[in-house]
PDB file of N, CA and C in Angstrom:
ATOM      1  N   UNK A   1     -65.416  40.004  15.517  1.00  0.00           N
ATOM      2  CA  UNK A   1     -64.373  39.087  15.078  1.00  0.00           C
ATOM      3  C   UNK A   1     -63.447  38.810  16.261  1.00  0.00           C
ATOM      4  N   UNK A   2     -63.131  37.543  16.457  1.00  0.00           N
ATOM      5  CA  UNK A   2     -62.260  37.150  17.556  1.00  0.00           C
ATOM      6  C   UNK A   2     -60.810  37.471  17.229  1.00  0.00           C
ATOM      7  N   UNK A   3     -59.997  37.498  18.278  1.00  0.00           N
ATOM      8  CA  UNK A   3     -58.575  37.759  18.059  1.00  0.00           C
ATOM      9  C   UNK A   3     -57.964  36.607  17.268  1.00  0.00           C
ATOM     10  N   UNK A   4     -57.074  36.954  16.390  1.00  0.00           N
ATOM     11  CA  UNK A   4     -56.420  35.955  15.543  1.00  0.00           C
ATOM     12  C   UNK A   4     -55.635  34.954  16.395  1.00  0.00           C
ATOM     13  N   UNK A   5     -55.021  35.430  17.470  1.00  0.00           N
ATOM     14  CA  UNK A   5     -54.225  34.547  18.320  1.00  0.00           C
ATOM     15  C   UNK A   5     -55.096  33.486  18.993  1.00  0.00           C
ATOM     16  N   UNK A   6     -56.323  33.845  19.378  1.00  0.00           N
ATOM     17  CA  UNK A   6     -57.229  32.886  20.005  1.00  0.00           C
ATOM     18  C   UNK A   6     -57.638  31.798  19.035  1.00  0.00           C
ATOM     19  N   UNK A   7     -57.880  32.191  17.810  1.00  0.00           N
ATOM     20  CA  UNK A   7     -58.269  31.227  16.778  1.00  0.00           C
ATOM     21  C   UNK A   7     -57.108  30.287  16.472  1.00  0.00           C
ATOM     22  N   UNK A   8     -55.909  30.842  16.349  1.00  0.00           N
ATOM     23  CA  UNK A   8     -54.726  30.031  16.069  1.00  0.00           C
ATOM     24  C   UNK A   8     -54.413  29.083  17.225  1.00  0.00           C
ATOM     25  N   UNK A   9     -54.576  29.553  18.456  1.00  0.00           N
ATOM     26  CA  UNK A   9     -54.332  28.728  19.627  1.00  0.00           C
ATOM     27  C   UNK A   9     -55.278  27.526  19.629  1.00  0.00           C
ATOM     28  N   UNK A  10     -56.526  27.772  19.282  1.00  0.00           N
ATOM     29  CA  UNK A  10     -57.512  26.701  19.235  1.00  0.00           C
ATOM     30  C   UNK A  10     -57.172  25.696  18.127  1.00  0.00           C
ATOM     31  N   UNK A  11     -56.686  26.188  16.995  1.00  0.00           N
ATOM     32  CA  UNK A  11     -56.278  25.295  15.901  1.00  0.00           C
ATOM     33  C   UNK A  11     -55.090  24.429  16.314  1.00  0.00           C
ATOM     34  N   UNK A  12     -54.142  25.019  17.055  1.00  0.00           N
ATOM     35  CA  UNK A  12     -53.010  24.233  17.557  1.00  0.00           C
ATOM     36  C   UNK A  12     -53.488  23.132  18.491  1.00  0.00           C
ATOM     37  N   UNK A  13     -54.461  23.456  19.320  1.00  0.00           N
ATOM     38  CA  UNK A  13     -55.007  22.454  20.233  1.00  0.00           C
ATOM     39  C   UNK A  13     -55.664  21.316  19.469  1.00  0.00           C
ATOM     40  N   UNK A  14     -56.373  21.646  18.402  1.00  0.00           N
ATOM     41  CA  UNK A  14     -57.001  20.592  17.583  1.00  0.00           C
ATOM     42  C   UNK A  14     -55.952  19.663  16.970  1.00  0.00           C
ATOM     43  N   UNK A  15     -54.853  20.238  16.474  1.00  0.00           N
ATOM     44  CA  UNK A  15     -53.787  19.428  15.881  1.00  0.00           C
ATOM     45  C   UNK A  15     -53.120  18.538  16.923  1.00  0.00           C
ATOM     46  N   UNK A  16     -52.839  19.088  18.096  1.00  0.00           N
ATOM     47  CA  UNK A  16     -52.230  18.305  19.180  1.00  0.00           C
ATOM     48  C   UNK A  16     -53.145  17.174  19.618  1.00  0.00           C
ATOM     49  N   UNK A  17     -54.428  17.451  19.706  1.00  0.00           N
ATOM     50  CA  UNK A  17     -55.390  16.437  20.114  1.00  0.00           C
ATOM     51  C   UNK A  17     -55.436  15.297  19.103  1.00  0.00           C
ATOM     52  N   UNK A  18     -55.450  15.647  17.832  1.00  0.00           N
ATOM     53  CA  UNK A  18     -55.483  14.609  16.798  1.00  0.00           C
ATOM     54  C   UNK A  18     -54.202  13.779  16.815  1.00  0.00           C
ATOM     55  N   UNK A  19     -53.074  14.436  17.078  1.00  0.00           N
ATOM     56  CA  UNK A  19     -51.789  13.732  17.084  1.00  0.00           C
ATOM     57  C   UNK A  19     -51.674  12.762  18.271  1.00  0.00           C
ATOM     58  N   UNK A  20     -52.131  13.190  19.438  1.00  0.00           N
ATOM     59  CA  UNK A  20     -51.937  12.406  20.667  1.00  0.00           C
ATOM     60  C   UNK A  20     -53.132  11.554  21.051  1.00  0.00           C
ATOM     61  N   UNK A  21     -54.150  11.495  20.227  1.00  0.00           N
ATOM     62  CA  UNK A  21     -55.384  10.801  20.592  1.00  0.00           C
ATOM     63  C   UNK A  21     -55.152   9.329  20.920  1.00  0.00           C
ATOM     64  N   UNK A  22     -54.419   8.637  20.088  1.00  0.00           N
ATOM     65  CA  UNK A  22     -54.208   7.197  20.272  1.00  0.00           C
ATOM     66  C   UNK A  22     -53.443   6.915  21.571  1.00  0.00           C
ATOM     67  N   UNK A  23     -52.380   7.663  21.808  1.00  0.00           N
ATOM     68  CA  UNK A  23     -51.571   7.442  23.001  1.00  0.00           C
ATOM     69  C   UNK A  23     -52.357   7.755  24.275  1.00  0.00           C
ATOM     70  N   UNK A  24     -53.138   8.828  24.241  1.00  0.00           N
ATOM     71  CA  UNK A  24     -53.953   9.191  25.402  1.00  0.00           C
ATOM     72  C   UNK A  24     -54.994   8.112  25.717  1.00  0.00           C
ATOM     73  N   UNK A  25     -55.651   7.590  24.691  1.00  0.00           N
ATOM     74  CA  UNK A  25     -56.667   6.562  24.933  1.00  0.00           C
ATOM     75  C   UNK A  25     -56.043   5.289  25.481  1.00  0.00           C
ATOM     76  N   UNK A  26     -54.858   4.920  25.005  1.00  0.00           N
ATOM     77  CA  UNK A  26     -54.179   3.737  25.531  1.00  0.00           C
ATOM     78  C   UNK A  26     -53.824   3.921  27.006  1.00  0.00           C
ATOM     79  N   UNK A  27     -53.279   5.091  27.351  1.00  0.00           N
ATOM     80  CA  UNK A  27     -52.921   5.348  28.744  1.00  0.00           C
ATOM     81  C   UNK A  27     -54.159   5.383  29.643  1.00  0.00           C
ATOM     82  N   UNK A  28     -55.214   5.983  29.170  1.00  0.00           N
ATOM     83  CA  UNK A  28     -56.433   6.042  29.964  1.00  0.00           C
ATOM     84  C   UNK A  28     -57.045   4.670  30.159  1.00  0.00           C
ATOM     85  N   UNK A  29     -56.954   3.813  29.148  1.00  0.00           N
ATOM     86  CA  UNK A  29     -57.491   2.461  29.308  1.00  0.00           C
ATOM     87  C   UNK A  29     -56.687   1.676  30.346  1.00  0.00           C
ATOM     88  N   UNK A  30     -55.375   1.885  30.401  1.00  0.00           N
ATOM     89  CA  UNK A  30     -54.550   1.231  31.422  1.00  0.00           C
ATOM     90  C   UNK A  30     -54.925   1.760  32.803  1.00  0.00           C
ATOM     91  N   UNK A  31     -55.124   3.065  32.904  1.00  0.00           N
ATOM     92  CA  UNK A  31     -55.471   3.670  34.193  1.00  0.00           C
ATOM     93  C   UNK A  31     -56.829   3.176  34.682  1.00  0.00           C
ATOM     94  N   UNK A  32     -57.794   3.069  33.808  1.00  0.00           N
ATOM     95  CA  UNK A  32     -59.150   2.685  34.200  1.00  0.00           C
ATOM     96  C   UNK A  32     -59.309   1.180  34.415  1.00  0.00           C
ATOM     97  N   UNK A  33     -58.365   0.382  33.933  1.00  0.00           N
ATOM     98  CA  UNK A  33     -58.438  -1.068  34.083  1.00  0.00           C
ATOM     99  C   UNK A  33     -58.091  -1.450  35.518  1.00  0.00           C
ATOM    100  N   UNK A  34     -59.062  -1.947  36.250  1.00  0.00           N
ATOM    101  CA  UNK A  34     -58.868  -2.303  37.655  1.00  0.00           C
ATOM    102  C   UNK A  34     -58.039  -3.574  37.822  1.00  0.00           C
ATOM    103  N   UNK A  35     -57.948  -4.370  36.770  1.00  0.00           N
ATOM    104  CA  UNK A  35     -57.227  -5.638  36.864  1.00  0.00           C
ATOM    105  C   UNK A  35     -55.721  -5.492  36.658  1.00  0.00           C
ATOM    106  N   UNK A  36     -55.271  -4.373  36.119  1.00  0.00           N
ATOM    107  CA  UNK A  36     -53.832  -4.178  35.943  1.00  0.00           C
ATOM    108  C   UNK A  36     -53.182  -3.836  37.278  1.00  0.00           C
ATOM    109  N   UNK A  37     -51.891  -4.048  37.366  1.00  0.00           N
ATOM    110  CA  UNK A  37     -51.195  -3.839  38.642  1.00  0.00           C
ATOM    111  C   UNK A  37     -51.148  -2.351  38.998  1.00  0.00           C
ATOM    112  N   UNK A  38     -51.094  -2.061  40.297  1.00  0.00           N
ATOM    113  CA  UNK A  38     -51.046  -0.647  40.720  1.00  0.00           C
ATOM    114  C   UNK A  38     -49.802   0.086  40.199  1.00  0.00           C
ATOM    115  N   UNK A  39     -48.694  -0.637  40.043  1.00  0.00           N
ATOM    116  CA  UNK A  39     -47.475  -0.003  39.526  1.00  0.00           C
ATOM    117  C   UNK A  39     -47.660   0.435  38.080  1.00  0.00           C
ATOM    118  N   UNK A  40     -48.280  -0.448  37.276  1.00  0.00           N
ATOM    119  CA  UNK A  40     -48.526  -0.104  35.871  1.00  0.00           C
ATOM    120  C   UNK A  40     -49.493   1.076  35.759  1.00  0.00           C
ATOM    121  N   UNK A  41     -50.500   1.069  36.590  1.00  0.00           N
ATOM    122  CA  UNK A  41     -51.472   2.156  36.556  1.00  0.00           C
ATOM    123  C   UNK A  41     -50.830   3.478  36.956  1.00  0.00           C
ATOM    124  N   UNK A  42     -49.992   3.446  37.982  1.00  0.00           N
ATOM    125  CA  UNK A  42     -49.332   4.674  38.431  1.00  0.00           C
ATOM    126  C   UNK A  42     -48.354   5.183  37.375  1.00  0.00           C
ATOM    127  N   UNK A  43     -47.662   4.259  36.725  1.00  0.00           N
ATOM    128  CA  UNK A  43     -46.734   4.647  35.665  1.00  0.00           C
ATOM    129  C   UNK A  43     -47.497   5.292  34.499  1.00  0.00           C
ATOM    130  N   UNK A  44     -48.673   4.761  34.185  1.00  0.00           N
ATOM    131  CA  UNK A  44     -49.501   5.338  33.120  1.00  0.00           C
ATOM    132  C   UNK A  44     -49.990   6.731  33.506  1.00  0.00           C
ATOM    133  N   UNK A  45     -50.296   6.919  34.786  1.00  0.00           N
ATOM    134  CA  UNK A  45     -50.723   8.239  35.261  1.00  0.00           C
ATOM    135  C   UNK A  45     -49.602   9.260  35.076  1.00  0.00           C
ATOM    136  N   UNK A  46     -48.370   8.860  35.414  1.00  0.00           N
ATOM    137  CA  UNK A  46     -47.237   9.769  35.264  1.00  0.00           C
ATOM    138  C   UNK A  46     -46.967  10.091  33.791  1.00  0.00           C
ATOM    139  N   UNK A  47     -47.092   9.096  32.917  1.00  0.00           N
ATOM    140  CA  UNK A  47     -46.882   9.343  31.483  1.00  0.00           C
ATOM    141  C   UNK A  47     -47.948  10.287  30.927  1.00  0.00           C
ATOM    142  N   UNK A  48     -49.179  10.096  31.394  1.00  0.00           N
ATOM    143  CA  UNK A  48     -50.261  10.966  30.940  1.00  0.00           C
ATOM    144  C   UNK A  48     -50.053  12.396  31.437  1.00  0.00           C
ATOM    145  N   UNK A  49     -49.533  12.527  32.642  1.00  0.00           N
ATOM    146  CA  UNK A  49     -49.282  13.855  33.200  1.00  0.00           C
ATOM    147  C   UNK A  49     -48.149  14.570  32.477  1.00  0.00           C
ATOM    148  N   UNK A  50     -47.215  13.814  31.908  1.00  0.00           N
ATOM    149  CA  UNK A  50     -46.093  14.417  31.177  1.00  0.00           C
ATOM    150  C   UNK A  50     -46.501  14.946  29.811  1.00  0.00           C
ATOM    151  N   UNK A  51     -47.594  14.440  29.283  1.00  0.00           N
ATOM    152  CA  UNK A  51     -48.041  14.870  27.958  1.00  0.00           C
ATOM    153  C   UNK A  51     -48.533  16.320  28.022  1.00  0.00           C
ATOM    154  N   UNK A  52     -48.484  17.046  26.895  1.00  0.00           N
ATOM    155  CA  UNK A  52     -48.932  18.443  26.902  1.00  0.00           C
ATOM    156  C   UNK A  52     -50.422  18.557  27.200  1.00  0.00           C
ATOM    157  N   UNK A  53     -50.765  19.524  28.022  1.00  0.00           N
ATOM    158  CA  UNK A  53     -52.163  19.702  28.418  1.00  0.00           C
ATOM    159  C   UNK A  53     -53.038  20.131  27.253  1.00  0.00           C
ATOM    160  N   UNK A  54     -52.473  20.855  26.323  1.00  0.00           N
ATOM    161  CA  UNK A  54     -53.263  21.308  25.181  1.00  0.00           C
ATOM    162  C   UNK A  54     -53.623  20.160  24.242  1.00  0.00           C
ATOM    163  N   UNK A  55     -53.102  18.970  24.499  1.00  0.00           N
ATOM    164  CA  UNK A  55     -53.465  17.808  23.708  1.00  0.00           C
ATOM    165  C   UNK A  55     -54.736  17.142  24.186  1.00  0.00           C
ATOM    166  N   UNK A  56     -55.295  17.622  25.290  1.00  0.00           N
ATOM    167  CA  UNK A  56     -56.540  17.056  25.809  1.00  0.00           C
ATOM    168  C   UNK A  56     -57.728  17.607  25.031  1.00  0.00           C
ATOM    169  N   UNK A  57     -58.703  16.756  24.791  1.00  0.00           N
ATOM    170  CA  UNK A  57     -59.850  17.143  23.985  1.00  0.00           C
ATOM    171  C   UNK A  57     -60.705  18.214  24.663  1.00  0.00           C
ATOM    172  N   UNK A  58     -60.737  18.214  25.989  1.00  0.00           N
ATOM    173  CA  UNK A  58     -61.565  19.188  26.706  1.00  0.00           C
ATOM    174  C   UNK A  58     -61.022  20.610  26.588  1.00  0.00           C
ATOM    175  N   UNK A  59     -59.795  20.777  26.154  1.00  0.00           N
ATOM    176  CA  UNK A  59     -59.222  22.122  26.021  1.00  0.00           C
ATOM    177  C   UNK A  59     -59.653  22.817  24.728  1.00  0.00           C
ATOM    178  N   UNK A  60     -60.248  22.067  23.816  1.00  0.00           N
ATOM    179  CA  UNK A  60     -60.691  22.653  22.543  1.00  0.00           C
ATOM    180  C   UNK A  60     -61.979  23.439  22.786  1.00  0.00           C
ATOM    181  N   UNK A  61     -62.031  24.642  22.249  1.00  0.00           N
ATOM    182  CA  UNK A  61     -63.199  25.498  22.384  1.00  0.00           C
ATOM    183  C   UNK A  61     -63.916  25.547  21.035  1.00  0.00           C
ATOM    184  N   UNK A  62     -65.220  25.306  21.041  1.00  0.00           N
ATOM    185  CA  UNK A  62     -65.992  25.421  19.814  1.00  0.00           C
ATOM    186  C   UNK A  62     -66.069  26.883  19.407  1.00  0.00           C
ATOM    187  N   UNK A  63     -65.649  27.176  18.186  1.00  0.00           N
ATOM    188  CA  UNK A  63     -65.651  28.550  17.689  1.00  0.00           C
ATOM    189  C   UNK A  63     -66.353  28.618  16.339  1.00  0.00           C
ATOM    190  N   UNK A  64     -66.935  29.769  16.068  1.00  0.00           N
ATOM    191  CA  UNK A  64     -67.628  30.024  14.809  1.00  0.00           C
ATOM    192  C   UNK A  64     -66.624  29.951  13.656  1.00  0.00           C
ATOM    193  N   UNK A  65     -66.991  29.260  12.591  1.00  0.00           N
ATOM    194  CA  UNK A  65     -66.128  29.146  11.420  1.00  0.00           C
ATOM    195  C   UNK A  65     -65.994  30.479  10.689  1.00  0.00           C
ATOM    196  N   UNK A  66     -67.005  31.322  10.787  1.00  0.00           N
ATOM    197  CA  UNK A  66     -67.021  32.589  10.057  1.00  0.00           C
ATOM    198  C   UNK A  66     -66.284  33.681  10.824  1.00  0.00           C
ATOM    199  N   UNK A  67     -66.648  33.865  12.102  1.00  0.00           N
ATOM    200  CA  UNK A  67     -66.120  34.986  12.870  1.00  0.00           C
ATOM    201  C   UNK A  67     -65.123  34.589  13.943  1.00  0.00           C
ATOM    202  N   UNK A  68     -65.146  33.351  14.397  1.00  0.00           N
ATOM    203  CA  UNK A  68     -64.270  32.916  15.479  1.00  0.00           C
ATOM    204  C   UNK A  68     -64.866  33.149  16.852  1.00  0.00           C
ATOM    205  N   UNK A  69     -66.121  33.571  16.909  1.00  0.00           N
ATOM    206  CA  UNK A  69     -66.788  33.848  18.183  1.00  0.00           C
ATOM    207  C   UNK A  69     -66.930  32.556  18.989  1.00  0.00           C
ATOM    208  N   UNK A  70     -66.558  32.581  20.290  1.00  0.00           N
ATOM    209  CA  UNK A  70     -66.596  31.352  21.077  1.00  0.00           C
ATOM    210  C   UNK A  70     -67.943  31.056  21.743  1.00  0.00           C
ATOM    211  N   UNK A  71     -68.836  32.008  21.801  1.00  0.00           N
ATOM    212  CA  UNK A  71     -70.107  31.792  22.494  1.00  0.00           C
ATOM    213  C   UNK A  71     -71.277  31.759  21.520  1.00  0.00           C
ATOM    214  N   UNK A  72     -72.394  31.217  21.991  1.00  0.00           N
ATOM    215  CA  UNK A  72     -73.613  31.085  21.186  1.00  0.00           C
ATOM    216  C   UNK A  72     -73.309  30.326  19.900  1.00  0.00           C
ATOM    217  N   UNK A  73     -72.708  29.153  20.056  1.00  0.00           N
ATOM    218  CA  UNK A  73     -72.231  28.330  18.944  1.00  0.00           C
ATOM    219  C   UNK A  73     -73.253  27.243  18.642  1.00  0.00           C
ATOM    220  N   UNK A  74     -73.667  27.139  17.384  1.00  0.00           N
ATOM    221  CA  UNK A  74     -74.554  26.058  16.952  1.00  0.00           C
ATOM    222  C   UNK A  74     -73.702  24.961  16.326  1.00  0.00           C
ATOM    223  N   UNK A  75     -73.715  23.785  16.924  1.00  0.00           N
ATOM    224  CA  UNK A  75     -72.859  22.691  16.458  1.00  0.00           C
ATOM    225  C   UNK A  75     -73.225  22.230  15.056  1.00  0.00           C
ATOM    226  N   UNK A  76     -74.513  22.178  14.783  1.00  0.00           N
ATOM    227  CA  UNK A  76     -74.963  21.676  13.484  1.00  0.00           C
ATOM    228  C   UNK A  76     -74.471  22.560  12.333  1.00  0.00           C
ATOM    229  N   UNK A  77     -74.463  23.856  12.549  1.00  0.00           N
ATOM    230  CA  UNK A  77     -74.052  24.800  11.516  1.00  0.00           C
ATOM    231  C   UNK A  77     -72.582  25.203  11.631  1.00  0.00           C
ATOM    232  N   UNK A  78     -71.967  24.937  12.779  1.00  0.00           N
ATOM    233  CA  UNK A  78     -70.586  25.315  13.070  1.00  0.00           C
ATOM    234  C   UNK A  78     -70.370  26.824  12.983  1.00  0.00           C
ATOM    235  N   UNK A  79     -71.365  27.564  13.470  1.00  0.00           N
ATOM    236  CA  UNK A  79     -71.230  29.014  13.498  1.00  0.00           C
ATOM    237  C   UNK A  79     -72.047  29.598  14.642  1.00  0.00           C
ATOM    238  N   UNK A  80     -71.769  30.855  14.937  1.00  0.00           N
ATOM    239  CA  UNK A  80     -72.460  31.527  16.029  1.00  0.00           C
ATOM    240  C   UNK A  80     -73.839  31.994  15.576  1.00  0.00           C
ATOM    241  N   UNK A  81     -74.641  32.376  16.550  1.00  0.00           N
ATOM    242  CA  UNK A  81     -76.000  32.816  16.246  1.00  0.00           C
ATOM    243  C   UNK A  81     -76.012  34.085  15.406  1.00  0.00           C
ATOM    244  N   UNK A  82     -75.020  34.946  15.603  1.00  0.00           N
ATOM    245  CA  UNK A  82     -74.972  36.213  14.871  1.00  0.00           C
ATOM    246  C   UNK A  82     -74.646  35.970  13.401  1.00  0.00           C
ATOM    247  N   UNK A  83     -73.628  35.135  13.165  1.00  0.00           N
ATOM    248  CA  UNK A  83     -73.256  34.818  11.787  1.00  0.00           C
ATOM    249  C   UNK A  83     -74.368  34.045  11.089  1.00  0.00           C
ATOM    250  N   UNK A  84     -75.025  33.154  11.833  1.00  0.00           N
ATOM    251  CA  UNK A  84     -76.127  32.378  11.264  1.00  0.00           C
ATOM    252  C   UNK A  84     -77.263  33.296  10.820  1.00  0.00           C
ATOM    253  N   UNK A  85     -77.584  34.273  11.641  1.00  0.00           N
ATOM    254  CA  UNK A  85     -78.661  35.198  11.297  1.00  0.00           C
ATOM    255  C   UNK A  85     -78.306  36.050  10.090  1.00  0.00           C
ATOM    256  N   UNK A  86     -77.066  36.559  10.052  1.00  0.00           N
ATOM    257  CA  UNK A  86     -76.656  37.398   8.930  1.00  0.00           C
ATOM    258  C   UNK A  86     -76.657  36.617   7.614  1.00  0.00           C
ATOM    259  N   UNK A  87     -76.099  35.403   7.638  1.00  0.00           N
ATOM    260  CA  UNK A  87     -76.062  34.602   6.418  1.00  0.00           C
ATOM    261  C   UNK A  87     -77.449  34.106   6.028  1.00  0.00           C
ATOM    262  N   UNK A  88     -78.290  33.837   7.024  1.00  0.00           N
ATOM    263  CA  UNK A  88     -79.664  33.416   6.739  1.00  0.00           C
ATOM    264  C   UNK A  88     -80.478  34.523   6.118  1.00  0.00           C
ATOM    265  N   UNK A  89     -80.330  35.734   6.623  1.00  0.00           N
ATOM    266  CA  UNK A  89     -81.072  36.872   6.070  1.00  0.00           C
ATOM    267  C   UNK A  89     -80.625  37.209   4.653  1.00  0.00           C
ATOM    268  N   UNK A  90     -79.354  36.978   4.364  1.00  0.00           N
ATOM    269  CA  UNK A  90     -78.869  37.261   3.008  1.00  0.00           C
ATOM    270  C   UNK A  90     -79.153  36.124   2.038  1.00  0.00           C
ATOM    271  N   UNK A  91     -79.666  34.991   2.541  1.00  0.00           N
ATOM    272  CA  UNK A  91     -80.060  33.887   1.669  1.00  0.00           C
ATOM    273  C   UNK A  91     -78.930  32.949   1.309  1.00  0.00           C
ATOM    274  N   UNK A  92     -77.853  32.962   2.046  1.00  0.00           N
ATOM    275  CA  UNK A  92     -76.703  32.110   1.739  1.00  0.00           C
ATOM    276  C   UNK A  92     -76.925  30.667   2.219  1.00  0.00           C
ATOM    277  N   UNK A  93     -77.633  30.505   3.337  1.00  0.00           N
ATOM    278  CA  UNK A  93     -77.876  29.176   3.901  1.00  0.00           C
ATOM    279  C   UNK A  93     -79.178  28.632   3.333  1.00  0.00           C
ATOM    280  N   UNK A  94     -79.117  27.523   2.582  1.00  0.00           N
ATOM    281  CA  UNK A  94     -80.337  26.991   1.970  1.00  0.00           C
ATOM    282  C   UNK A  94     -81.272  26.386   3.028  1.00  0.00           C
ATOM    283  N   UNK A  95     -82.567  26.641   2.862  1.00  0.00           N
ATOM    284  CA  UNK A  95     -83.570  26.077   3.753  1.00  0.00           C
ATOM    285  C   UNK A  95     -83.816  26.878   5.008  1.00  0.00           C
ATOM    286  N   UNK A  96     -83.037  27.897   5.240  1.00  0.00           N
ATOM    287  CA  UNK A  96     -83.213  28.727   6.438  1.00  0.00           C
ATOM    288  C   UNK A  96     -84.072  29.930   6.080  1.00  0.00           C
ATOM    289  N   UNK A  97     -85.209  30.061   6.767  1.00  0.00           N
ATOM    290  CA  UNK A  97     -86.138  31.154   6.496  1.00  0.00           C
ATOM    291  C   UNK A  97     -86.398  31.896   7.786  1.00  0.00           C
ATOM    292  N   UNK A  98     -86.383  33.203   7.718  1.00  0.00           N
ATOM    293  CA  UNK A  98     -86.697  34.008   8.891  1.00  0.00           C
ATOM    294  C   UNK A  98     -88.191  33.877   9.181  1.00  0.00           C
ATOM    295  N   UNK A  99     -88.483  33.550  10.430  1.00  0.00           N
ATOM    296  CA  UNK A  99     -89.889  33.344  10.773  1.00  0.00           C
ATOM    297  C   UNK A  99     -90.607  34.676  10.965  1.00  0.00           C
ATOM    298  N   UNK A 100     -91.883  34.669  10.636  1.00  0.00           N
ATOM    299  CA  UNK A 100     -92.727  35.842  10.884  1.00  0.00           C
ATOM    300  C   UNK A 100     -94.115  35.350  11.177  1.00  0.00           C
ATOM    301  N   UNK A 101     -94.801  36.042  12.063  1.00  0.00           N
ATOM    302  CA  UNK A 101     -96.159  35.641  12.418  1.00  0.00           C
ATOM    303  C   UNK A 101     -97.024  36.807  12.697  1.00  0.00           C
TER     304      UNK A 101
END
C-alpha cells in the first residue's frame, strides 16, 4: 500500500490540472503560434511560468485504484499487476482467467 500522502498529492494534482486546463491550453496556443507578435508570445510564456507547476498534466502519476502503487500500472484496468492478479484469482474481475498450459 502506498503512502496516503502520495495518493493525496496526486489527487491534488489531478484537481489542479482539471481547473487550469483551459487557461494552459490558451497560453500554449499563443506561445506556439508563430504569427503572433514576439511580445505577446513572451508575455504568454511569463504567465504560464507563474502558474503552479502541479497544474501541469505531466506531473500526474498513474496509480493503482486499489493499492495506490505507482509502478506496473495497467491503464485499461486502472490497477497494478499485483492487484490485478489478486482480484483475478479471487474471481472479482469478469472475463479474466488465469492461464495454464
